[in-house]
Amino acid sequence: MAGSTETPVLDLLASMTADSIEASSLDAETLMLVRIAALAAVDAPPVSYLLNLGAAGELDIDPERVRGVLAAIAPIVGTARVASATGKIVEALEVAIEIVEPSTEQERE
């Protein structure tokens, strides 16, 4: 297939994200905080948080700012969505730690 790559879905997501950033008039930090709020609003999966929190970390966005966003949107999206988002953020961070740090069983091999 012409123009195909080994990661077509990731390439599409990267392209959509780049287009979104280019079309936005928001500064980078505000854009990332809004994206995190949107993830909570749609009850996104942990991998979405992992990708977006990684980008937020690259911008040195303090975790307290993320907590502030979740607190701000709670009356709009509901406590269940915010609780779900918090759990998924924890899960995403656990996955990130597992990716970075090999398990002790792997170290013994």
PDB file of N, CA and C in Angstrom:
ATOM      1  N   MET A   1       0.846  -1.173   0.000  1.00  0.00           N
ATOM      2  CA  MET A   1       0.000   0.000   0.000  1.00  0.00           C
ATOM      3  C   MET A   1       0.890   1.234   0.000  1.00  0.00           C
ATOM      4  N   ALA A   2       0.628   2.177  -0.886  1.00  0.00           N
ATOM      5  CA  ALA A   2       1.440   3.377  -1.005  1.00  0.00           C
ATOM      6  C   ALA A   2       1.307   4.231   0.245  1.00  0.00           C
ATOM      7  N   GLY A   3       2.454   4.712   0.731  1.00  0.00           N
ATOM      8  CA  GLY A   3       2.454   5.605   1.880  1.00  0.00           C
ATOM      9  C   GLY A   3       2.224   4.924   3.212  1.00  0.00           C
ATOM     10  N   SER A   4       2.200   3.601   3.235  1.00  0.00           N
ATOM     11  CA  SER A   4       1.949   2.930   4.502  1.00  0.00           C
ATOM     12  C   SER A   4       3.214   2.916   5.351  1.00  0.00           C
ATOM     13  N   THR A   5       3.028   2.832   6.641  1.00  0.00           N
ATOM     14  CA  THR A   5       4.128   2.759   7.589  1.00  0.00           C
ATOM     15  C   THR A   5       3.874   1.586   8.511  1.00  0.00           C
ATOM     16  N   GLU A   6       4.812   1.348   9.403  1.00  0.00           N
ATOM     17  CA  GLU A   6       4.654   0.260  10.358  1.00  0.00           C
ATOM     18  C   GLU A   6       3.726   0.633  11.513  1.00  0.00           C
ATOM     19  N   THR A   7       3.443   1.920  11.678  1.00  0.00           N
ATOM     20  CA  THR A   7       2.585   2.377  12.775  1.00  0.00           C
ATOM     21  C   THR A   7       1.520   3.339  12.259  1.00  0.00           C
ATOM     22  N   PRO A   8       0.626   2.884  11.406  1.00  0.00           N
ATOM     23  CA  PRO A   8      -0.341   3.807  10.797  1.00  0.00           C
ATOM     24  C   PRO A   8      -1.276   4.485  11.797  1.00  0.00           C
ATOM     25  N   VAL A   9      -1.704   3.776  12.825  1.00  0.00           N
ATOM     26  CA  VAL A   9      -2.622   4.387  13.791  1.00  0.00           C
ATOM     27  C   VAL A   9      -1.894   5.447  14.611  1.00  0.00           C
ATOM     28  N   LEU A  10      -0.700   5.117  15.096  1.00  0.00           N
ATOM     29  CA  LEU A  10       0.073   6.108  15.855  1.00  0.00           C
ATOM     30  C   LEU A  10       0.414   7.313  14.992  1.00  0.00           C
ATOM     31  N   ASP A  11       0.736   7.063  13.720  1.00  0.00           N
ATOM     32  CA  ASP A  11       1.031   8.168  12.808  1.00  0.00           C
ATOM     33  C   ASP A  11      -0.185   9.066  12.625  1.00  0.00           C
ATOM     34  N   LEU A  12      -1.360   8.459  12.503  1.00  0.00           N
ATOM     35  CA  LEU A  12      -2.595   9.233  12.363  1.00  0.00           C
ATOM     36  C   LEU A  12      -2.853  10.070  13.615  1.00  0.00           C
ATOM     37  N   LEU A  13      -2.694   9.457  14.783  1.00  0.00           N
ATOM     38  CA  LEU A  13      -2.899  10.194  16.033  1.00  0.00           C
ATOM     39  C   LEU A  13      -1.907  11.344  16.167  1.00  0.00           C
ATOM     40  N   ALA A  14      -0.668  11.111  15.801  1.00  0.00           N
ATOM     41  CA  ALA A  14       0.348  12.168  15.864  1.00  0.00           C
ATOM     42  C   ALA A  14      -0.011  13.312  14.920  1.00  0.00           C
ATOM     43  N   SER A  15      -0.487  12.965  13.733  1.00  0.00           N
ATOM     44  CA  SER A  15      -0.883  13.983  12.761  1.00  0.00           C
ATOM     45  C   SER A  15      -2.081  14.788  13.260  1.00  0.00           C
ATOM     46  N   MET A  16      -3.073  14.087  13.826  1.00  0.00           N
ATOM     47  CA  MET A  16      -4.257  14.773  14.362  1.00  0.00           C
ATOM     48  C   MET A  16      -3.863  15.708  15.510  1.00  0.00           C
ATOM     49  N   THR A  17      -2.969  15.240  16.359  1.00  0.00           N
ATOM     50  CA  THR A  17      -2.520  16.061  17.492  1.00  0.00           C
ATOM     51  C   THR A  17      -1.772  17.291  16.990  1.00  0.00           C
ATOM     52  N   ALA A  18      -0.881  17.104  16.033  1.00  0.00           N
ATOM     53  CA  ALA A  18      -0.130  18.234  15.485  1.00  0.00           C
ATOM     54  C   ALA A  18      -1.075  19.256  14.853  1.00  0.00           C
ATOM     55  N   ASP A  19      -2.069  18.774  14.105  1.00  0.00           N
ATOM     56  CA  ASP A  19      -3.043  19.688  13.500  1.00  0.00           C
ATOM     57  C   ASP A  19      -3.826  20.446  14.563  1.00  0.00           C
ATOM     58  N   SER A  20      -4.194  19.761  15.642  1.00  0.00           N
ATOM     59  CA  SER A  20      -4.933  20.383  16.727  1.00  0.00           C
ATOM     60  C   SER A  20      -4.101  21.477  17.402  1.00  0.00           C
ATOM     61  N   ILE A  21      -2.848  21.182  17.649  1.00  0.00           N
ATOM     62  CA  ILE A  21      -1.957  22.160  18.290  1.00  0.00           C
ATOM     63  C   ILE A  21      -1.780  23.369  17.392  1.00  0.00           C
ATOM     64  N   GLU A  22      -1.590  23.126  16.109  1.00  0.00           N
ATOM     65  CA  GLU A  22      -1.400  24.213  15.158  1.00  0.00           C
ATOM     66  C   GLU A  22      -2.644  25.104  15.052  1.00  0.00           C
ATOM     67  N   ALA A  23      -3.826  24.496  15.140  1.00  0.00           N
ATOM     68  CA  ALA A  23      -5.076  25.244  15.004  1.00  0.00           C
ATOM     69  C   ALA A  23      -5.452  25.992  16.278  1.00  0.00           C
ATOM     70  N   SER A  24      -4.871  25.614  17.401  1.00  0.00           N
ATOM     71  CA  SER A  24      -5.236  26.219  18.680  1.00  0.00           C
ATOM     72  C   SER A  24      -4.483  27.527  18.911  1.00  0.00           C
ATOM     73  N   SER A  25      -5.153  28.443  19.578  1.00  0.00           N
ATOM     74  CA  SER A  25      -4.509  29.704  19.960  1.00  0.00           C
ATOM     75  C   SER A  25      -4.018  29.650  21.405  1.00  0.00           C
ATOM     76  N   LEU A  26      -4.146  28.482  22.046  1.00  0.00           N
ATOM     77  CA  LEU A  26      -3.727  28.337  23.437  1.00  0.00           C
ATOM     78  C   LEU A  26      -2.219  28.144  23.545  1.00  0.00           C
ATOM     79  N   ASP A  27      -1.650  28.598  24.661  1.00  0.00           N
ATOM     80  CA  ASP A  27      -0.245  28.306  24.902  1.00  0.00           C
ATOM     81  C   ASP A  27      -0.116  26.819  25.232  1.00  0.00           C
ATOM     82  N   ALA A  28       1.084  26.294  25.161  1.00  0.00           N
ATOM     83  CA  ALA A  28       1.317  24.850  25.286  1.00  0.00           C
ATOM     84  C   ALA A  28       0.819  24.294  26.621  1.00  0.00           C
ATOM     85  N   GLU A  29       1.059  24.998  27.725  1.00  0.00           N
ATOM     86  CA  GLU A  29       0.631  24.496  29.033  1.00  0.00           C
ATOM     87  C   GLU A  29      -0.889  24.447  29.128  1.00  0.00           C
ATOM     88  N   THR A  30      -1.545  25.506  28.723  1.00  0.00           N
ATOM     89  CA  THR A  30      -3.012  25.532  28.769  1.00  0.00           C
ATOM     90  C   THR A  30      -3.588  24.447  27.872  1.00  0.00           C
ATOM     91  N   LEU A  31      -3.012  24.263  26.697  1.00  0.00           N
ATOM     92  CA  LEU A  31      -3.480  23.235  25.779  1.00  0.00           C
ATOM     93  C   LEU A  31      -3.410  21.850  26.424  1.00  0.00           C
ATOM     94  N   MET A  32      -2.309  21.546  27.092  1.00  0.00           N
ATOM     95  CA  MET A  32      -2.168  20.232  27.725  1.00  0.00           C
ATOM     96  C   MET A  32      -3.173  20.071  28.871  1.00  0.00           C
ATOM     97  N   LEU A  33      -3.394  21.104  29.660  1.00  0.00           N
ATOM     98  CA  LEU A  33      -4.351  21.016  30.760  1.00  0.00           C
ATOM     99  C   LEU A  33      -5.773  20.826  30.235  1.00  0.00           C
ATOM    100  N   VAL A  34      -6.093  21.493  29.141  1.00  0.00           N
ATOM    101  CA  VAL A  34      -7.412  21.326  28.523  1.00  0.00           C
ATOM    102  C   VAL A  34      -7.563  19.899  27.990  1.00  0.00           C
ATOM    103  N   ARG A  35      -6.509  19.368  27.403  1.00  0.00           N
ATOM    104  CA  ARG A  35      -6.564  17.995  26.892  1.00  0.00           C
ATOM    105  C   ARG A  35      -6.794  17.004  28.041  1.00  0.00           C
ATOM    106  N   ILE A  36      -6.129  17.218  29.170  1.00  0.00           N
ATOM    107  CA  ILE A  36      -6.316  16.341  30.330  1.00  0.00           C
ATOM    108  C   ILE A  36      -7.756  16.448  30.839  1.00  0.00           C
ATOM    109  N   ALA A  37      -8.303  17.653  30.847  1.00  0.00           N
ATOM    110  CA  ALA A  37      -9.701  17.831  31.246  1.00  0.00           C
ATOM    111  C   ALA A  37     -10.626  17.077  30.289  1.00  0.00           C
ATOM    112  N   ALA A  38     -10.329  17.141  29.009  1.00  0.00           N
ATOM    113  CA  ALA A  38     -11.156  16.440  28.018  1.00  0.00           C
ATOM    114  C   ALA A  38     -11.062  14.925  28.200  1.00  0.00           C
ATOM    115  N   LEU A  39      -9.885  14.432  28.552  1.00  0.00           N
ATOM    116  CA  LEU A  39      -9.737  12.995  28.802  1.00  0.00           C
ATOM    117  C   LEU A  39     -10.654  12.557  29.935  1.00  0.00           C
ATOM    118  N   ALA A  40     -10.702  13.355  30.995  1.00  0.00           N
ATOM    119  CA  ALA A  40     -11.584  13.024  32.121  1.00  0.00           C
ATOM    120  C   ALA A  40     -13.049  13.080  31.685  1.00  0.00           C
ATOM    121  N   ALA A  41     -13.382  14.074  30.883  1.00  0.00           N
ATOM    122  CA  ALA A  41     -14.770  14.240  30.453  1.00  0.00           C
ATOM    123  C   ALA A  41     -15.275  13.065  29.618  1.00  0.00           C
ATOM    124  N   VAL A  42     -14.372  12.464  28.834  1.00  0.00           N
ATOM    125  CA  VAL A  42     -14.803  11.349  27.979  1.00  0.00           C
ATOM    126  C   VAL A  42     -14.474   9.989  28.592  1.00  0.00           C
ATOM    127  N   ASP A  43     -13.971   9.990  29.819  1.00  0.00           N
ATOM    128  CA  ASP A  43     -13.605   8.757  30.528  1.00  0.00           C
ATOM    129  C   ASP A  43     -12.602   7.945  29.704  1.00  0.00           C
ATOM    130  N   ALA A  44     -11.529   8.617  29.308  1.00  0.00           N
ATOM    131  CA  ALA A  44     -10.506   8.019  28.449  1.00  0.00           C
ATOM    132  C   ALA A  44      -9.759   6.883  29.148  1.00  0.00           C
ATOM    133  N   PRO A  45      -9.163   5.991  28.373  1.00  0.00           N
ATOM    134  CA  PRO A  45      -8.400   4.878  28.945  1.00  0.00           C
ATOM    135  C   PRO A  45      -7.046   5.350  29.480  1.00  0.00           C
ATOM    136  N   PRO A  46      -6.418   4.539  30.331  1.00  0.00           N
ATOM    137  CA  PRO A  46      -5.119   4.911  30.921  1.00  0.00           C
ATOM    138  C   PRO A  46      -4.047   5.277  29.892  1.00  0.00           C
ATOM    139  N   VAL A  47      -4.010   4.592  28.759  1.00  0.00           N
ATOM    140  CA  VAL A  47      -2.964   4.887  27.779  1.00  0.00           C
ATOM    141  C   VAL A  47      -3.069   6.330  27.271  1.00  0.00           C
ATOM    142  N   SER A  48      -4.268   6.871  27.187  1.00  0.00           N
ATOM    143  CA  SER A  48      -4.427   8.268  26.767  1.00  0.00           C
ATOM    144  C   SER A  48      -3.817   9.210  27.796  1.00  0.00           C
ATOM    145  N   TYR A  49      -4.024   8.889  29.065  1.00  0.00           N
ATOM    146  CA  TYR A  49      -3.400   9.695  30.118  1.00  0.00           C
ATOM    147  C   TYR A  49      -1.889   9.568  30.060  1.00  0.00           C
ATOM    148  N   LEU A  50      -1.404   8.364  29.820  1.00  0.00           N
ATOM    149  CA  LEU A  50       0.038   8.131  29.757  1.00  0.00           C
ATOM    150  C   LEU A  50       0.667   9.026  28.691  1.00  0.00           C
ATOM    151  N   LEU A  51       0.086   9.057  27.519  1.00  0.00           N
ATOM    152  CA  LEU A  51       0.627   9.870  26.428  1.00  0.00           C
ATOM    153  C   LEU A  51       0.557  11.361  26.750  1.00  0.00           C
ATOM    154  N   ASN A  52      -0.570  11.800  27.261  1.00  0.00           N
ATOM    155  CA  ASN A  52      -0.739  13.226  27.516  1.00  0.00           C
ATOM    156  C   ASN A  52       0.000  13.701  28.761  1.00  0.00           C
ATOM    157  N   LEU A  53       0.089  12.861  29.791  1.00  0.00           N
ATOM    158  CA  LEU A  53       0.864  13.240  30.966  1.00  0.00           C
ATOM    159  C   LEU A  53       2.353  13.272  30.637  1.00  0.00           C
ATOM    160  N   GLY A  54       2.768  12.400  29.706  1.00  0.00           N
ATOM    161  CA  GLY A  54       4.158  12.445  29.245  1.00  0.00           C
ATOM    162  C   GLY A  54       4.462  13.777  28.582  1.00  0.00           C
ATOM    163  N   ALA A  55       3.562  14.217  27.724  1.00  0.00           N
ATOM    164  CA  ALA A  55       3.738  15.512  27.056  1.00  0.00           C
ATOM    165  C   ALA A  55       3.678  16.654  28.070  1.00  0.00           C
ATOM    166  N   ALA A  56       2.786  16.540  29.046  1.00  0.00           N
ATOM    167  CA  ALA A  56       2.691  17.573  30.091  1.00  0.00           C
ATOM    168  C   ALA A  56       3.976  17.616  30.909  1.00  0.00           C
ATOM    169  N   GLY A  57       4.543  16.456  31.186  1.00  0.00           N
ATOM    170  CA  GLY A  57       5.801  16.400  31.929  1.00  0.00           C
ATOM    171  C   GLY A  57       6.931  17.068  31.168  1.00  0.00           C
ATOM    172  N   GLU A  58       6.947  16.894  29.849  1.00  0.00           N
ATOM    173  CA  GLU A  58       7.967  17.534  29.027  1.00  0.00           C
ATOM    174  C   GLU A  58       7.853  19.058  29.092  1.00  0.00           C
ATOM    175  N   LEU A  59       6.656  19.550  29.386  1.00  0.00           N
ATOM    176  CA  LEU A  59       6.431  20.992  29.531  1.00  0.00           C
ATOM    177  C   LEU A  59       6.608  21.450  30.979  1.00  0.00           C
ATOM    178  N   ASP A  60       7.029  20.535  31.844  1.00  0.00           N
ATOM    179  CA  ASP A  60       7.217  20.819  33.276  1.00  0.00           C
ATOM    180  C   ASP A  60       5.929  21.273  33.959  1.00  0.00           C
ATOM    181  N   ILE A  61       4.802  20.686  33.542  1.00  0.00           N
ATOM    182  CA  ILE A  61       3.534  20.994  34.195  1.00  0.00           C
ATOM    183  C   ILE A  61       3.494  20.247  35.514  1.00  0.00           C
ATOM    184  N   ASP A  62       3.324  20.985  36.573  1.00  0.00           N
ATOM    185  CA  ASP A  62       3.319  20.444  37.928  1.00  0.00           C
ATOM    186  C   ASP A  62       2.088  19.561  38.145  1.00  0.00           C
ATOM    187  N   PRO A  63       2.249  18.417  38.817  1.00  0.00           N
ATOM    188  CA  PRO A  63       1.087  17.561  39.100  1.00  0.00           C
ATOM    189  C   PRO A  63      -0.026  18.298  39.843  1.00  0.00           C
ATOM    190  N   GLU A  64       0.322  19.314  40.601  1.00  0.00           N
ATOM    191  CA  GLU A  64      -0.695  20.094  41.312  1.00  0.00           C
ATOM    192  C   GLU A  64      -1.618  20.808  40.327  1.00  0.00           C
ATOM    193  N   ARG A  65      -1.082  21.202  39.180  1.00  0.00           N
ATOM    194  CA  ARG A  65      -1.915  21.840  38.145  1.00  0.00           C
ATOM    195  C   ARG A  65      -2.924  20.829  37.588  1.00  0.00           C
ATOM    196  N   VAL A  66      -2.483  19.590  37.406  1.00  0.00           N
ATOM    197  CA  VAL A  66      -3.394  18.541  36.921  1.00  0.00           C
ATOM    198  C   VAL A  66      -4.481  18.298  37.956  1.00  0.00           C
ATOM    199  N   ARG A  67      -4.099  18.232  39.239  1.00  0.00           N
ATOM    200  CA  ARG A  67      -5.105  18.070  40.306  1.00  0.00           C
ATOM    201  C   ARG A  67      -6.085  19.236  40.287  1.00  0.00           C
ATOM    202  N   GLY A  68      -5.572  20.434  40.066  1.00  0.00           N
ATOM    203  CA  GLY A  68      -6.430  21.621  40.002  1.00  0.00           C
ATOM    204  C   GLY A  68      -7.432  21.547  38.861  1.00  0.00           C
ATOM    205  N   VAL A  69      -6.996  21.035  37.729  1.00  0.00           N
ATOM    206  CA  VAL A  69      -7.899  20.865  36.581  1.00  0.00           C
ATOM    207  C   VAL A  69      -9.005  19.880  36.939  1.00  0.00           C
ATOM    208  N   LEU A  70      -8.639  18.757  37.545  1.00  0.00           N
ATOM    209  CA  LEU A  70      -9.646  17.754  37.911  1.00  0.00           C
ATOM    210  C   LEU A  70     -10.640  18.321  38.927  1.00  0.00           C
ATOM    211  N   ALA A  71     -10.150  19.108  39.874  1.00  0.00           N
ATOM    212  CA  ALA A  71     -11.047  19.733  40.854  1.00  0.00           C
ATOM    213  C   ALA A  71     -11.972  20.740  40.172  1.00  0.00           C
ATOM    214  N   ALA A  72     -11.437  21.459  39.204  1.00  0.00           N
ATOM    215  CA  ALA A  72     -12.237  22.487  38.516  1.00  0.00           C
ATOM    216  C   ALA A  72     -13.359  21.882  37.679  1.00  0.00           C
ATOM    217  N   ILE A  73     -13.103  20.730  37.081  1.00  0.00           N
ATOM    218  CA  ILE A  73     -14.118  20.149  36.199  1.00  0.00           C
ATOM    219  C   ILE A  73     -15.083  19.219  36.924  1.00  0.00           C
ATOM    220  N   ALA A  74     -14.798  18.873  38.166  1.00  0.00           N
ATOM    221  CA  ALA A  74     -15.648  17.930  38.907  1.00  0.00           C
ATOM    222  C   ALA A  74     -17.125  18.331  38.919  1.00  0.00           C
ATOM    223  N   PRO A  75     -17.468  19.603  39.155  1.00  0.00           N
ATOM    224  CA  PRO A  75     -18.898  19.951  39.157  1.00  0.00           C
ATOM    225  C   PRO A  75     -19.564  19.803  37.789  1.00  0.00           C
ATOM    226  N   ILE A  76     -18.760  19.840  36.729  1.00  0.00           N
ATOM    227  CA  ILE A  76     -19.311  19.750  35.374  1.00  0.00           C
ATOM    228  C   ILE A  76     -19.406  18.295  34.918  1.00  0.00           C
ATOM    229  N   VAL A  77     -18.317  17.539  35.061  1.00  0.00           N
ATOM    230  CA  VAL A  77     -18.299  16.159  34.550  1.00  0.00           C
ATOM    231  C   VAL A  77     -18.751  15.150  35.588  1.00  0.00           C
ATOM    232  N   GLY A  78     -18.757  15.538  36.842  1.00  0.00           N
ATOM    233  CA  GLY A  78     -19.218  14.654  37.907  1.00  0.00           C
ATOM    234  C   GLY A  78     -18.084  13.980  38.657  1.00  0.00           C
ATOM    235  N   THR A  79     -18.379  13.633  39.895  1.00  0.00           N
ATOM    236  CA  THR A  79     -17.361  13.025  40.738  1.00  0.00           C
ATOM    237  C   THR A  79     -16.953  11.648  40.235  1.00  0.00           C
ATOM    238  N   ALA A  80     -17.874  10.911  39.634  1.00  0.00           N
ATOM    239  CA  ALA A  80     -17.533   9.578  39.134  1.00  0.00           C
ATOM    240  C   ALA A  80     -16.481   9.665  38.030  1.00  0.00           C
ATOM    241  N   ARG A  81     -16.609  10.616  37.141  1.00  0.00           N
ATOM    242  CA  ARG A  81     -15.623  10.773  36.060  1.00  0.00           C
ATOM    243  C   ARG A  81     -14.274  11.219  36.612  1.00  0.00           C
ATOM    244  N   VAL A  82     -14.284  12.103  37.589  1.00  0.00           N
ATOM    245  CA  VAL A  82     -13.027  12.570  38.174  1.00  0.00           C
ATOM    246  C   VAL A  82     -12.365  11.436  38.953  1.00  0.00           C
ATOM    247  N   ALA A  83     -13.145  10.659  39.685  1.00  0.00           N
ATOM    248  CA  ALA A  83     -12.591   9.503  40.397  1.00  0.00           C
ATOM    249  C   ALA A  83     -12.025   8.494  39.397  1.00  0.00           C
ATOM    250  N   SER A  84     -12.728   8.260  38.316  1.00  0.00           N
ATOM    251  CA  SER A  84     -12.253   7.356  37.269  1.00  0.00           C
ATOM    252  C   SER A  84     -10.953   7.883  36.666  1.00  0.00           C
ATOM    253  N   ALA A  85     -10.910   9.168  36.382  1.00  0.00           N
ATOM    254  CA  ALA A  85      -9.707   9.780  35.809  1.00  0.00           C
ATOM    255  C   ALA A  85      -8.518   9.627  36.754  1.00  0.00           C
ATOM    256  N   THR A  86      -8.759   9.855  38.028  1.00  0.00           N
ATOM    257  CA  THR A  86      -7.683   9.734  39.013  1.00  0.00           C
ATOM    258  C   THR A  86      -7.136   8.308  39.038  1.00  0.00           C
ATOM    259  N   GLY A  87      -8.020   7.332  39.037  1.00  0.00           N
ATOM    260  CA  GLY A  87      -7.587   5.939  39.015  1.00  0.00           C
ATOM    261  C   GLY A  87      -6.821   5.597  37.751  1.00  0.00           C
ATOM    262  N   LYS A  88      -7.265   6.115  36.634  1.00  0.00           N
ATOM    263  CA  LYS A  88      -6.597   5.825  35.368  1.00  0.00           C
ATOM    264  C   LYS A  88      -5.243   6.522  35.276  1.00  0.00           C
ATOM    265  N   ILE A  89      -5.128   7.695  35.888  1.00  0.00           N
ATOM    266  CA  ILE A  89      -3.832   8.372  35.948  1.00  0.00           C
ATOM    267  C   ILE A  89      -2.855   7.538  36.768  1.00  0.00           C
ATOM    268  N   VAL A  90      -3.318   7.042  37.910  1.00  0.00           N
ATOM    269  CA  VAL A  90      -2.466   6.186  38.739  1.00  0.00           C
ATOM    270  C   VAL A  90      -2.051   4.947  37.953  1.00  0.00           C
ATOM    271  N   GLU A  91      -3.010   4.326  37.268  1.00  0.00           N
ATOM    272  CA  GLU A  91      -2.709   3.138  36.466  1.00  0.00           C
ATOM    273  C   GLU A  91      -1.707   3.461  35.360  1.00  0.00           C
ATOM    274  N   ALA A  92      -1.888   4.595  34.698  1.00  0.00           N
ATOM    275  CA  ALA A  92      -0.973   4.996  33.629  1.00  0.00           C
ATOM    276  C   ALA A  92       0.428   5.222  34.177  1.00  0.00           C
ATOM    277  N   LEU A  93       0.528   5.838  35.337  1.00  0.00           N
ATOM    278  CA  LEU A  93       1.841   6.077  35.923  1.00  0.00           C
ATOM    279  C   LEU A  93       2.498   4.774  36.353  1.00  0.00           C
ATOM    280  N   GLU A  94       1.704   3.823  36.830  1.00  0.00           N
ATOM    281  CA  GLU A  94       2.255   2.508  37.175  1.00  0.00           C
ATOM    282  C   GLU A  94       2.793   1.817  35.937  1.00  0.00           C
ATOM    283  N   VAL A  95       2.084   1.940  34.831  1.00  0.00           N
ATOM    284  CA  VAL A  95       2.552   1.352  33.574  1.00  0.00           C
ATOM    285  C   VAL A  95       3.849   2.025  33.156  1.00  0.00           C
ATOM    286  N   ALA A  96       3.919   3.342  33.293  1.00  0.00           N
ATOM    287  CA  ALA A  96       5.134   4.070  32.923  1.00  0.00           C
ATOM    288  C   ALA A  96       6.306   3.619  33.780  1.00  0.00           C
ATOM    289  N   ILE A  97       6.079   3.394  35.053  1.00  0.00           N
ATOM    290  CA  ILE A  97       7.146   2.931  35.938  1.00  0.00           C
ATOM    291  C   ILE A  97       7.591   1.542  35.525  1.00  0.00           C
ATOM    292  N   GLU A  98       6.649   0.671  35.175  1.00  0.00           N
ATOM    293  CA  GLU A  98       6.996  -0.672  34.741  1.00  0.00           C
ATOM    294  C   GLU A  98       7.786  -0.648  33.435  1.00  0.00           C
ATOM    295  N   ILE A  99       7.500   0.285  32.571  1.00  0.00           N
ATOM    296  CA  ILE A  99       8.224   0.392  31.308  1.00  0.00           C
ATOM    297  C   ILE A  99       9.654   0.854  31.566  1.00  0.00           C
ATOM    298  N   VAL A 100       9.830   1.789  32.488  1.00  0.00           N
ATOM    299  CA  VAL A 100      11.146   2.356  32.768  1.00  0.00           C
ATOM    300  C   VAL A 100      11.981   1.430  33.637  1.00  0.00           C
ATOM    301  N   GLU A 101      11.377   0.843  34.650  1.00  0.00           N
ATOM    302  CA  GLU A 101      12.107  -0.003  35.592  1.00  0.00           C
ATOM    303  C   GLU A 101      11.791  -1.467  35.337  1.00  0.00           C
ATOM    304  N   PRO A 102      12.795  -2.266  34.957  1.00  0.00           N
ATOM    305  CA  PRO A 102      12.526  -3.693  34.756  1.00  0.00           C
ATOM    306  C   PRO A 102      12.182  -4.357  36.085  1.00  0.00           C
ATOM    307  N   SER A 103      11.351  -5.379  36.002  1.00  0.00           N
ATOM    308  CA  SER A 103      10.975  -6.085  37.232  1.00  0.00           C
ATOM    309  C   SER A 103      12.168  -6.836  37.784  1.00  0.00           C
ATOM    310  N   THR A 104      12.130  -7.131  39.083  1.00  0.00           N
ATOM    311  CA  THR A 104      13.243  -7.841  39.716  1.00  0.00           C
ATOM    312  C   THR A 104      13.422  -9.224  39.117  1.00  0.00           C
ATOM    313  N   GLU A 105      12.344  -9.843  38.649  1.00  0.00           N
ATOM    314  CA  GLU A 105      12.443 -11.157  38.030  1.00  0.00           C
ATOM    315  C   GLU A 105      13.247 -11.059  36.720  1.00  0.00           C
ATOM    316  N   GLN A 106      13.017 -10.005  35.950  1.00  0.00           N
ATOM    317  CA  GLN A 106      13.761  -9.817  34.704  1.00  0.00           C
ATOM    318  C   GLN A 106      15.226  -9.537  35.005  1.00  0.00           C
ATOM    319  N   GLU A 107      15.514  -8.828  36.097  1.00  0.00           N
ATOM    320  CA  GLU A 107      16.889  -8.514  36.438  1.00  0.00           C
ATOM    321  C   GLU A 107      17.675  -9.762  36.794  1.00  0.00           C
ATOM    322  N   ARG A 108      17.002 -10.774  37.369  1.00  0.00           N
ATOM    323  CA  ARG A 108      17.675 -11.997  37.767  1.00  0.00           C
ATOM    324  C   ARG A 108      18.036 -12.870  36.577  1.00  0.00           C
ATOM    325  N   GLU A 109      17.335 -12.694  35.461  1.00  0.00           N
ATOM    326  CA  GLU A 109      17.554 -13.549  34.286  1.00  0.00           C
ATOM    327  C   GLU A 109      18.830 -13.232  33.563  1.00  0.00           C
TER     328      GLU A 109
END
